[in-house]
C-alpha atoms as a PDB file:
ATOM      1  CA  MET A   1     121.649  44.107 -65.610  1.00  0.00           C
ATOM      2  CA  LYS A   2     119.512  43.021 -62.697  1.00  0.00           C
ATOM      3  CA  SER A   3     120.880  39.477 -62.696  1.00  0.00           C
ATOM      4  CA  GLY A   4     124.405  40.848 -62.911  1.00  0.00           C
ATOM      5  CA  SER A   5     123.837  43.067 -59.881  1.00  0.00           C
ATOM      6  CA  SER A   6     122.366  40.099 -57.996  1.00  0.00           C
ATOM      7  CA  LEU A   7     125.501  38.140 -58.690  1.00  0.00           C
ATOM      8  CA  ILE A   8     127.614  41.032 -57.474  1.00  0.00           C
ATOM      9  CA  ILE A   9     125.544  41.312 -54.293  1.00  0.00           C
ATOM     10  CA  GLY A  10     125.480  37.562 -53.790  1.00  0.00           C
ATOM     11  CA  HIS A  11     129.202  37.076 -54.231  1.00  0.00           C
ATOM     12  CA  PRO A  12     130.277  38.810 -50.993  1.00  0.00           C
ATOM     13  CA  ILE A  13     127.605  36.883 -49.094  1.00  0.00           C
ATOM     14  CA  MET A  14     128.834  33.554 -50.428  1.00  0.00           C
ATOM     15  CA  ALA A  15     132.411  34.566 -49.709  1.00  0.00           C
ATOM     16  CA  SER A  16     131.442  35.460 -46.149  1.00  0.00           C
ATOM     17  CA  LEU A  17     129.673  32.113 -45.669  1.00  0.00           C
ATOM     18  CA  GLU A  18     132.729  30.353 -47.047  1.00  0.00           C
ATOM     19  CA  THR A  19     134.936  31.905 -44.371  1.00  0.00           C
ATOM     20  CA  GLN A  20     132.377  31.194 -41.627  1.00  0.00           C
ATOM     21  CA  LYS A  21     132.027  27.481 -42.403  1.00  0.00           C
ATOM     22  CA  PRO A  22     134.322  26.294 -39.569  1.00  0.00           C
ATOM     23  CA  TYR A  23     132.306  28.330 -37.043  1.00  0.00           C
ATOM     24  CA  ILE A  24     128.982  27.072 -38.409  1.00  0.00           C
ATOM     25  CA  ALA A  25     130.281  23.504 -38.199  1.00  0.00           C
ATOM     26  CA  MET A  26     131.391  23.993 -34.594  1.00  0.00           C
ATOM     27  CA  ILE A  27     127.998  25.431 -33.612  1.00  0.00           C
ATOM     28  CA  PHE A  28     126.290  22.428 -35.189  1.00  0.00           C
ATOM     29  CA  VAL A  29     128.599  20.030 -33.339  1.00  0.00           C
ATOM     30  CA  GLN A  30     127.821  21.765 -30.017  1.00  0.00           C
ATOM     31  CA  VAL A  31     124.074  21.481 -30.649  1.00  0.00           C
ATOM     32  CA  VAL A  32     124.456  17.767 -31.356  1.00  0.00           C
ATOM     33  CA  TYR A  33     126.648  17.445 -28.258  1.00  0.00           C
ATOM     34  CA  ALA A  34     123.894  18.795 -26.006  1.00  0.00           C
ATOM     35  CA  GLY A  35     121.676  15.933 -27.149  1.00  0.00           C
ATOM     36  CA  MET A  36     124.488  13.455 -26.483  1.00  0.00           C
ATOM     37  CA  ALA A  37     124.748  14.558 -22.856  1.00  0.00           C
ATOM     38  CA  LEU A  38     120.967  14.196 -22.450  1.00  0.00           C
ATOM     39  CA  PHE A  39     120.752  10.714 -23.975  1.00  0.00           C
ATOM     40  CA  SER A  40     123.856   9.521 -22.111  1.00  0.00           C
ATOM     41  CA  LYS A  41     122.405  10.659 -18.813  1.00  0.00           C
ATOM     42  CA  ALA A  42     119.151   8.898 -19.653  1.00  0.00           C
ATOM     43  CA  ALA A  43     120.860   5.568 -20.375  1.00  0.00           C
ATOM     44  CA  ILE A  44     123.068   5.658 -17.273  1.00  0.00           C
ATOM     45  CA  ALA A  45     120.135   6.750 -15.087  1.00  0.00           C
ATOM     46  CA  GLN A  46     118.283   3.684 -16.356  1.00  0.00           C
ATOM     47  CA  GLY A  47     121.078   1.510 -14.963  1.00  0.00           C
ATOM     48  CA  MET A  48     123.470   1.034 -17.890  1.00  0.00           C
ATOM     49  CA  ASN A  49     127.066   0.600 -16.765  1.00  0.00           C
ATOM     50  CA  PRO A  50     129.051   3.699 -17.840  1.00  0.00           C
ATOM     51  CA  PHE A  51     132.170   1.651 -18.651  1.00  0.00           C
ATOM     52  CA  VAL A  52     130.169  -0.717 -20.849  1.00  0.00           C
ATOM     53  CA  PHE A  53     128.560   2.322 -22.484  1.00  0.00           C
ATOM     54  CA  VAL A  54     132.017   3.572 -23.553  1.00  0.00           C
ATOM     55  CA  VAL A  55     132.939   0.168 -25.011  1.00  0.00           C
ATOM     56  CA  TYR A  56     129.801   0.001 -27.144  1.00  0.00           C
ATOM     57  CA  ARG A  57     130.167   3.602 -28.249  1.00  0.00           C
ATOM     58  CA  GLN A  58     133.777   3.172 -29.381  1.00  0.00           C
ATOM     59  CA  ALA A  59     133.118  -0.216 -30.996  1.00  0.00           C
ATOM     60  CA  PHE A  60     130.194   1.087 -33.047  1.00  0.00           C
ATOM     61  CA  ALA A  61     132.154   4.221 -33.993  1.00  0.00           C
ATOM     62  CA  ALA A  62     135.162   2.192 -35.187  1.00  0.00           C
ATOM     63  CA  PHE A  63     132.873  -0.130 -37.158  1.00  0.00           C
ATOM     64  CA  ALA A  64     131.063   2.811 -38.780  1.00  0.00           C
ATOM     65  CA  LEU A  65     134.266   4.692 -39.662  1.00  0.00           C
ATOM     66  CA  ALA A  66     136.218   1.733 -41.052  1.00  0.00           C
ATOM     67  CA  PRO A  67     134.521   1.628 -44.521  1.00  0.00           C
ATOM     68  CA  PHE A  68     135.015   5.375 -45.045  1.00  0.00           C
ATOM     69  CA  ALA A  69     138.651   5.145 -44.001  1.00  0.00           C
ATOM     70  CA  PHE A  70     139.227   2.223 -46.359  1.00  0.00           C
ATOM     71  CA  PHE A  71     137.542   3.640 -49.473  1.00  0.00           C
ATOM     72  CA  PHE A  72     138.320   7.352 -49.212  1.00  0.00           C
ATOM     73  CA  GLU A  73     141.923   7.046 -48.044  1.00  0.00           C
ATOM     74  CA  SER A  74     142.970   3.888 -49.853  1.00  0.00           C
ATOM     75  CA  GLY A  75     145.146   5.960 -52.219  1.00  0.00           C
ATOM     76  CA  LYS A  76     147.100   7.564 -49.384  1.00  0.00           C
ATOM     77  CA  VAL A  77     150.258   5.601 -48.791  1.00  0.00           C
ATOM     78  CA  THR A  78     151.006   6.448 -45.183  1.00  0.00           C
ATOM     79  CA  PRO A  79     153.592   4.242 -43.438  1.00  0.00           C
ATOM     80  CA  LEU A  80     152.564   3.092 -39.986  1.00  0.00           C
ATOM     81  CA  SER A  81     155.616   2.130 -37.939  1.00  0.00           C
ATOM     82  CA  TRP A  82     155.532   0.376 -34.584  1.00  0.00           C
ATOM     83  CA  GLY A  83     156.703   3.551 -32.895  1.00  0.00           C
ATOM     84  CA  LEU A  84     153.876   5.591 -34.411  1.00  0.00           C
ATOM     85  CA  LEU A  85     151.378   2.838 -33.595  1.00  0.00           C
ATOM     86  CA  CYS A  86     152.484   2.932 -29.953  1.00  0.00           C
ATOM     87  CA  LYS A  87     152.072   6.714 -29.909  1.00  0.00           C
ATOM     88  CA  ILE A  88     148.528   6.418 -31.256  1.00  0.00           C
ATOM     89  CA  PHE A  89     147.784   3.719 -28.663  1.00  0.00           C
ATOM     90  CA  PHE A  90     148.970   5.814 -25.719  1.00  0.00           C
ATOM     91  CA  ILE A  91     147.274   8.971 -27.005  1.00  0.00           C
ATOM     92  CA  SER A  92     144.046   6.991 -27.244  1.00  0.00           C
ATOM     93  CA  LEU A  93     144.588   5.776 -23.679  1.00  0.00           C
ATOM     94  CA  MET A  94     145.422   9.167 -22.151  1.00  0.00           C
ATOM     95  CA  GLY A  95     142.883  11.096 -24.192  1.00  0.00           C
ATOM     96  CA  ILE A  96     139.844   9.204 -25.420  1.00  0.00           C
ATOM     97  CA  THR A  97     139.707   6.250 -23.001  1.00  0.00           C
ATOM     98  CA  LEU A  98     140.491   8.216 -19.852  1.00  0.00           C
ATOM     99  CA  SER A  99     138.325  11.164 -20.821  1.00  0.00           C
ATOM    100  CA  LEU A 100     135.244   9.198 -21.860  1.00  0.00           C
ATOM    101  CA  ASN A 101     135.293   6.856 -18.864  1.00  0.00           C
ATOM    102  CA  LEU A 102     135.653   9.775 -16.461  1.00  0.00           C
ATOM    103  CA  TYR A 103     132.921  11.652 -18.329  1.00  0.00           C
ATOM    104  CA  TYR A 104     130.319   8.891 -18.152  1.00  0.00           C
ATOM    105  CA  VAL A 105     131.078   8.046 -14.521  1.00  0.00           C
ATOM    106  CA  ALA A 106     130.843  11.754 -13.663  1.00  0.00           C
ATOM    107  CA  ILE A 107     127.529  12.205 -15.454  1.00  0.00           C
ATOM    108  CA  ASN A 108     126.065   9.602 -13.109  1.00  0.00           C
ATOM    109  CA  PHE A 109     126.728  11.989 -10.194  1.00  0.00           C
ATOM    110  CA  THR A 110     125.793  15.221 -11.961  1.00  0.00           C
ATOM    111  CA  SER A 111     123.322  16.239 -14.656  1.00  0.00           C
ATOM    112  CA  ALA A 112     123.209  16.449 -18.438  1.00  0.00           C
ATOM    113  CA  THR A 113     123.030  20.240 -18.167  1.00  0.00           C
ATOM    114  CA  PHE A 114     126.206  20.333 -16.116  1.00  0.00           C
ATOM    115  CA  ALA A 115     127.988  17.994 -18.541  1.00  0.00           C
ATOM    116  CA  ALA A 116     127.082  20.138 -21.546  1.00  0.00           C
ATOM    117  CA  ALA A 117     127.907  23.403 -19.756  1.00  0.00           C
ATOM    118  CA  THR A 118     131.326  22.410 -18.413  1.00  0.00           C
ATOM    119  CA  THR A 119     132.433  21.169 -21.826  1.00  0.00           C
ATOM    120  CA  ASN A 120     132.576  24.828 -22.842  1.00  0.00           C
ATOM    121  CA  ALA A 121     135.640  25.060 -20.603  1.00  0.00           C
ATOM    122  CA  ILE A 122     137.614  22.722 -22.903  1.00  0.00           C
ATOM    123  CA  PRO A 123     138.893  25.550 -25.175  1.00  0.00           C
ATOM    124  CA  ALA A 124     140.080  27.492 -22.129  1.00  0.00           C
ATOM    125  CA  ILE A 125     141.745  24.436 -20.590  1.00  0.00           C
ATOM    126  CA  THR A 126     143.364  23.632 -23.937  1.00  0.00           C
ATOM    127  CA  PHE A 127     144.665  27.188 -24.230  1.00  0.00           C
ATOM    128  CA  VAL A 128     146.136  27.172 -20.712  1.00  0.00           C
ATOM    129  CA  MET A 129     147.808  23.791 -21.262  1.00  0.00           C
ATOM    130  CA  ALA A 130     149.164  24.883 -24.646  1.00  0.00           C
ATOM    131  CA  VAL A 131     150.675  28.006 -23.071  1.00  0.00           C
ATOM    132  CA  LEU A 132     152.234  25.970 -20.253  1.00  0.00           C
ATOM    133  CA  LEU A 133     153.690  23.533 -22.793  1.00  0.00           C
ATOM    134  CA  ARG A 134     154.915  26.505 -24.881  1.00  0.00           C
ATOM    135  CA  ILE A 135     152.923  25.379 -27.894  1.00  0.00           C
ATOM    136  CA  GLU A 136     150.827  28.557 -27.815  1.00  0.00           C
ATOM    137  CA  SER A 137     152.176  32.041 -27.145  1.00  0.00           C
ATOM    138  CA  VAL A 138     150.200  34.941 -25.721  1.00  0.00           C
ATOM    139  CA  CYS A 139     151.012  38.634 -25.531  1.00  0.00           C
ATOM    140  CA  ILE A 140     149.019  40.622 -22.985  1.00  0.00           C
ATOM    141  CA  LYS A 141     150.115  43.888 -24.578  1.00  0.00           C
ATOM    142  CA  ASN A 142     147.611  43.612 -27.413  1.00  0.00           C
ATOM    143  CA  VAL A 143     143.844  43.184 -27.517  1.00  0.00           C
ATOM    144  CA  ASP A 144     143.938  39.590 -28.800  1.00  0.00           C
ATOM    145  CA  GLY A 145     146.140  38.425 -25.939  1.00  0.00           C
ATOM    146  CA  VAL A 146     144.004  40.144 -23.298  1.00  0.00           C
ATOM    147  CA  ALA A 147     140.836  38.646 -24.825  1.00  0.00           C
ATOM    148  CA  LYS A 148     142.331  35.132 -24.718  1.00  0.00           C
ATOM    149  CA  VAL A 149     143.397  35.470 -21.088  1.00  0.00           C
ATOM    150  CA  MET A 150     140.124  37.041 -19.919  1.00  0.00           C
ATOM    151  CA  GLY A 151     138.044  34.523 -21.848  1.00  0.00           C
ATOM    152  CA  SER A 152     139.966  31.629 -20.295  1.00  0.00           C
ATOM    153  CA  ILE A 153     139.576  33.062 -16.783  1.00  0.00           C
ATOM    154  CA  VAL A 154     135.829  33.628 -17.210  1.00  0.00           C
ATOM    155  CA  SER A 155     135.302  30.166 -18.708  1.00  0.00           C
ATOM    156  CA  LEU A 156     137.234  28.322 -15.998  1.00  0.00           C
ATOM    157  CA  SER A 157     135.650  30.421 -13.241  1.00  0.00           C
ATOM    158  CA  GLY A 158     132.195  29.623 -14.572  1.00  0.00           C
ATOM    159  CA  ALA A 159     132.981  25.901 -14.626  1.00  0.00           C
ATOM    160  CA  LEU A 160     134.232  26.020 -11.021  1.00  0.00           C
ATOM    161  CA  VAL A 161     131.192  27.992  -9.855  1.00  0.00           C
ATOM    162  CA  TYR A 162     128.944  25.487 -11.599  1.00  0.00           C
ATOM    163  CA  ALA A 163     130.808  22.668  -9.836  1.00  0.00           C
ATOM    164  CA  PHE A 164     130.814  23.975  -6.265  1.00  0.00           C
ATOM    165  CA  VAL A 165     127.684  26.160  -6.108  1.00  0.00           C
ATOM    166  CA  LYS A 166     124.471  24.196  -6.415  1.00  0.00           C
ATOM    167  CA  GLY A 167     121.102  25.887  -6.130  1.00  0.00           C
ATOM    168  CA  PRO A 168     117.636  24.402  -5.650  1.00  0.00           C
ATOM    169  CA  GLN A 169     116.278  21.915  -8.158  1.00  0.00           C
ATOM    170  CA  LEU A 170     113.930  23.239 -10.844  1.00  0.00           C
ATOM    171  CA  LYS A 171     110.944  20.920 -11.086  1.00  0.00           C
ATOM    172  CA  LEU A 172     109.764  21.777 -14.571  1.00  0.00           C
ATOM    173  CA  MET A 173     108.350  18.292 -15.105  1.00  0.00           C
ATOM    174  CA  LYS A 174     106.718  15.983 -12.617  1.00  0.00           C
ATOM    175  CA  ASN A 175     108.882  13.016 -13.589  1.00  0.00           C
ATOM    176  CA  ASN A 176     112.014  12.605 -15.669  1.00  0.00           C
ATOM    177  CA  TRP A 177     111.055  11.766 -19.243  1.00  0.00           C
ATOM    178  CA  TYR A 178     113.541   8.910 -19.468  1.00  0.00           C
ATOM    179  CA  LEU A 179     112.408   7.010 -16.365  1.00  0.00           C
ATOM    180  CA  SER A 180     110.325   3.926 -16.921  1.00  0.00           C
ATOM    181  CA  SER A 181     106.623   4.075 -16.162  1.00  0.00           C
ATOM    182  CA  ASN A 182     106.466   0.636 -14.552  1.00  0.00           C
ATOM    183  CA  ASN A 183     105.917  -0.042 -10.864  1.00  0.00           C
ATOM    184  CA  ASN A 184     109.530  -0.731  -9.995  1.00  0.00           C
ATOM    185  CA  ASP A 185     110.473   1.416  -7.006  1.00  0.00           C
ATOM    186  CA  HIS A 186     114.031   1.766  -8.273  1.00  0.00           C
ATOM    187  CA  ASP A 187     112.839   3.171 -11.584  1.00  0.00           C
ATOM    188  CA  GLN A 188     110.434   5.580  -9.924  1.00  0.00           C
ATOM    189  CA  LYS A 189     112.898   6.909  -7.367  1.00  0.00           C
ATOM    190  CA  PRO A 190     113.592  10.590  -8.003  1.00  0.00           C
ATOM    191  CA  ILE A 191     117.148  11.598  -8.786  1.00  0.00           C
ATOM    192  CA  ASN A 192     118.631  13.590  -5.898  1.00  0.00           C
ATOM    193  CA  TYR A 193     122.251  14.608  -5.821  1.00  0.00           C
ATOM    194  CA  HIS A 194     124.034  14.815  -2.481  1.00  0.00           C
ATOM    195  CA  ARG A 195     126.578  17.574  -2.192  1.00  0.00           C
ATOM    196  CA  HIS A 196     129.603  15.275  -1.882  1.00  0.00           C
ATOM    197  CA  GLU A 197     128.453  13.252  -4.905  1.00  0.00           C
ATOM    198  CA  TRP A 198     127.924  16.438  -6.918  1.00  0.00           C
ATOM    199  CA  VAL A 199     131.395  17.770  -6.044  1.00  0.00           C
ATOM    200  CA  LYS A 200     132.983  14.393  -6.795  1.00  0.00           C
ATOM    201  CA  GLY A 201     131.194  14.200 -10.141  1.00  0.00           C
ATOM    202  CA  SER A 202     132.113  17.799 -10.945  1.00  0.00           C
ATOM    203  CA  LEU A 203     135.814  17.219 -10.291  1.00  0.00           C
ATOM    204  CA  MET A 204     135.707  14.054 -12.364  1.00  0.00           C
ATOM    205  CA  MET A 205     134.006  15.952 -15.193  1.00  0.00           C
ATOM    206  CA  LEU A 206     136.663  18.677 -15.111  1.00  0.00           C
ATOM    207  CA  SER A 207     139.336  15.953 -15.102  1.00  0.00           C
ATOM    208  CA  ALA A 208     137.686  14.398 -18.157  1.00  0.00           C
ATOM    209  CA  ASN A 209     137.730  17.781 -19.908  1.00  0.00           C
ATOM    210  CA  THR A 210     141.408  18.209 -19.011  1.00  0.00           C
ATOM    211  CA  ALA A 211     142.254  14.789 -20.461  1.00  0.00           C
ATOM    212  CA  TRP A 212     140.329  15.687 -23.616  1.00  0.00           C
ATOM    213  CA  SER A 213     142.222  18.979 -23.884  1.00  0.00           C
ATOM    214  CA  LEU A 214     145.523  17.114 -23.624  1.00  0.00           C
ATOM    215  CA  TRP A 215     144.324  14.783 -26.377  1.00  0.00           C
ATOM    216  CA  LEU A 216     143.527  17.756 -28.611  1.00  0.00           C
ATOM    217  CA  ILE A 217     147.016  19.177 -28.084  1.00  0.00           C
ATOM    218  CA  LEU A 218     148.729  15.873 -28.836  1.00  0.00           C
ATOM    219  CA  GLN A 219     146.726  15.436 -32.030  1.00  0.00           C
ATOM    220  CA  GLY A 220     148.769  18.106 -33.816  1.00  0.00           C
ATOM    221  CA  GLY A 221     152.002  16.130 -33.789  1.00  0.00           C
ATOM    222  CA  ILE A 222     150.320  12.829 -34.644  1.00  0.00           C
ATOM    223  CA  VAL A 223     148.440  14.259 -37.637  1.00  0.00           C
ATOM    224  CA  LYS A 224     151.729  15.561 -39.058  1.00  0.00           C
ATOM    225  CA  GLN A 225     153.208  12.064 -38.845  1.00  0.00           C
ATOM    226  CA  TYR A 226     150.058  10.286 -40.013  1.00  0.00           C
ATOM    227  CA  PRO A 227     147.961  12.646 -42.181  1.00  0.00           C
ATOM    228  CA  ALA A 228     145.293  10.051 -43.046  1.00  0.00           C
ATOM    229  CA  LYS A 229     142.716  11.569 -40.700  1.00  0.00           C
ATOM    230  CA  LEU A 230     139.939   8.998 -41.120  1.00  0.00           C
ATOM    231  CA  ARG A 231     142.296   6.085 -40.588  1.00  0.00           C
ATOM    232  CA  LEU A 232     143.776   7.838 -37.575  1.00  0.00           C
ATOM    233  CA  THR A 233     140.327   8.375 -36.052  1.00  0.00           C
ATOM    234  CA  THR A 234     139.349   4.760 -36.736  1.00  0.00           C
ATOM    235  CA  LEU A 235     142.538   3.464 -35.122  1.00  0.00           C
ATOM    236  CA  GLN A 236     141.991   5.592 -32.036  1.00  0.00           C
ATOM    237  CA  CYS A 237     138.372   4.435 -31.714  1.00  0.00           C
ATOM    238  CA  LEU A 238     139.518   0.811 -32.033  1.00  0.00           C
ATOM    239  CA  PHE A 239     142.290   1.196 -29.460  1.00  0.00           C
ATOM    240  CA  SER A 240     139.949   3.024 -27.114  1.00  0.00           C
ATOM    241  CA  CYS A 241     137.367   0.253 -27.481  1.00  0.00           C
ATOM    242  CA  ILE A 242     139.932  -2.406 -26.530  1.00  0.00           C
ATOM    243  CA  GLN A 243     141.267  -0.378 -23.606  1.00  0.00           C
ATOM    244  CA  SER A 244     137.775   0.441 -22.346  1.00  0.00           C
ATOM    245  CA  ALA A 245     136.788  -3.223 -22.582  1.00  0.00           C
ATOM    246  CA  PHE A 246     139.542  -4.153 -20.122  1.00  0.00           C
ATOM    247  CA  VAL A 247     138.413  -1.337 -17.811  1.00  0.00           C
ATOM    248  CA  ALA A 248     134.761  -2.451 -18.019  1.00  0.00           C
ATOM    249  CA  ILE A 249     135.609  -6.099 -17.311  1.00  0.00           C
ATOM    250  CA  ALA A 250     137.746  -5.081 -14.340  1.00  0.00           C
ATOM    251  CA  MET A 251     135.041  -2.818 -12.896  1.00  0.00           C
ATOM    252  CA  ASP A 252     131.977  -4.984 -13.548  1.00  0.00           C
ATOM    253  CA  ARG A 253     132.114  -8.710 -14.258  1.00  0.00           C
ATOM    254  CA  ASN A 254     128.364  -9.224 -14.416  1.00  0.00           C
ATOM    255  CA  PRO A 255     127.485 -10.518 -17.939  1.00  0.00           C
ATOM    256  CA  SER A 256     124.027  -8.964 -17.735  1.00  0.00           C
ATOM    257  CA  SER A 257     125.630  -5.502 -17.788  1.00  0.00           C
ATOM    258  CA  TRP A 258     126.522  -6.040 -21.452  1.00  0.00           C
ATOM    259  CA  LYS A 259     122.974  -6.673 -22.630  1.00  0.00           C
ATOM    260  CA  LEU A 260     121.475  -4.211 -25.115  1.00  0.00           C
ATOM    261  CA  GLY A 261     117.800  -4.122 -26.012  1.00  0.00           C
ATOM    262  CA  TRP A 262     115.510  -1.941 -28.093  1.00  0.00           C
ATOM    263  CA  ASP A 263     115.393   0.756 -25.460  1.00  0.00           C
ATOM    264  CA  ILE A 264     116.955   4.062 -24.443  1.00  0.00           C
ATOM    265  CA  ASN A 265     120.342   2.363 -23.930  1.00  0.00           C
ATOM    266  CA  LEU A 266     120.669   1.366 -27.586  1.00  0.00           C
ATOM    267  CA  LEU A 267     119.298   4.719 -28.744  1.00  0.00           C
ATOM    268  CA  SER A 268     121.822   6.563 -26.574  1.00  0.00           C
ATOM    269  CA  VAL A 269     124.758   4.530 -27.892  1.00  0.00           C
ATOM    270  CA  ALA A 270     123.611   5.109 -31.483  1.00  0.00           C
ATOM    271  CA  TYR A 271     123.222   8.843 -30.898  1.00  0.00           C
ATOM    272  CA  CYS A 272     126.685   9.094 -29.333  1.00  0.00           C
ATOM    273  CA  VAL A 273     128.153   7.267 -32.324  1.00  0.00           C
ATOM    274  CA  CYS A 274     126.472   9.784 -34.628  1.00  0.00           C
ATOM    275  CA  TYR A 275     128.034  12.567 -32.571  1.00  0.00           C
ATOM    276  CA  SER A 276     131.446  10.901 -32.835  1.00  0.00           C
ATOM    277  CA  LEU A 277     131.031  10.726 -36.602  1.00  0.00           C
ATOM    278  CA  THR A 278     129.862  14.325 -37.013  1.00  0.00           C
ATOM    279  CA  PRO A 279     133.327  15.937 -37.426  1.00  0.00           C
ATOM    280  CA  ASN A 280     134.317  13.188 -39.848  1.00  0.00           C
ATOM    281  CA  LEU A 281     131.140  13.713 -41.865  1.00  0.00           C
ATOM    282  CA  PHE A 282     132.145  17.354 -42.308  1.00  0.00           C
ATOM    283  CA  PHE A 283     135.538  16.130 -43.502  1.00  0.00           C
ATOM    284  CA  LEU A 284     133.877  13.731 -45.971  1.00  0.00           C
ATOM    285  CA  PHE A 285     131.573  16.465 -47.255  1.00  0.00           C
ATOM    286  CA  LYS A 286     134.565  18.696 -47.915  1.00  0.00           C
ATOM    287  CA  TYR A 287     136.437  15.791 -49.497  1.00  0.00           C
ATOM    288  CA  LEU A 288     133.606  14.890 -51.855  1.00  0.00           C
ATOM    289  CA  PHE A 289     131.974  18.191 -52.797  1.00  0.00           C
ATOM    290  CA  ILE A 290     134.390  21.047 -52.146  1.00  0.00           C
END
C-alpha cells in the first residue's frame, strides 16, 4: 500500500517535470551561454581576430554535427531543391553570419557581462518583429497580451539603459584572469572602455541580437519545407563558415591571425562549439531515449 501511494504521489511530480522540460532546457542553455560570452571575451582580449573566431567556430560546429545528421536522419528522404538551398544560404547569411560577426566585434568594445545580459532582449525583439510581420498576434484586452507587451518594453528598456548608461568599473580582481602573466606591456594593459567605443559596441550588439531574432523568425518556414533539423543546422553552419571565411579574409589578410595553439583561443572555440551543439544534443536525447 505504501509503494502504491508513492507511485501515486510520484506520478504528478513526473508529469510536472515532463511539462517543464523545455523550460529546464532553456535555463541550461542560458547558463552555458554565460560561459560562452566569458570565454569569447577572453580569446578576443588576447588578440584573436573576431572574424577568424567565427570561421573556426562554425567550421568545428559543422564538422561535429555532420556525423549525427548523417546517421540519425539518413532515413528521412527530404528533397533539397536549388530554391530551398538558396533560401538556407541567405538565411544563414542574414542570421548566423551577420549576427555572429557583429556579436564578436561588439564584444571587443564591451564586456562579457554586457553580452550575456543584452541577449535576454532577444525574445522581446523577436516578439516585436513577429508582431510587425503579422506572424504573431497580441490582444491588449487580456492579461496574456498585456504581459507580453510589458515584458517586451521592460526587456528592451533594460538593454538600452545597459547600453547608454555606464557606471564605474568594479575592481573585484586585481588583474583579469585571462590576461597573460608575461612581461609584454600589451598583455598587461588594463582594459578600459571609452564611452564612444562602449556605445558603438552596444549598438552593434543590439544589431546582432536583432539579426538573430530575424533568423529565429525565418526558421519556422524553412523547417516546414525541410524538417530534417540536424541536416538543416549542419547546412547552415557550413554556409556560415564559408561566408564568414570571405569576411575574415577581406578584413584581415595576415596569415598569422589564423594560427591556433593550445591556449585560451582554442579552448574558447571548443566551448562555443559545445554551446552551438547544446540544443541539438537535447534533440538527440529526445530522439534516442524519449
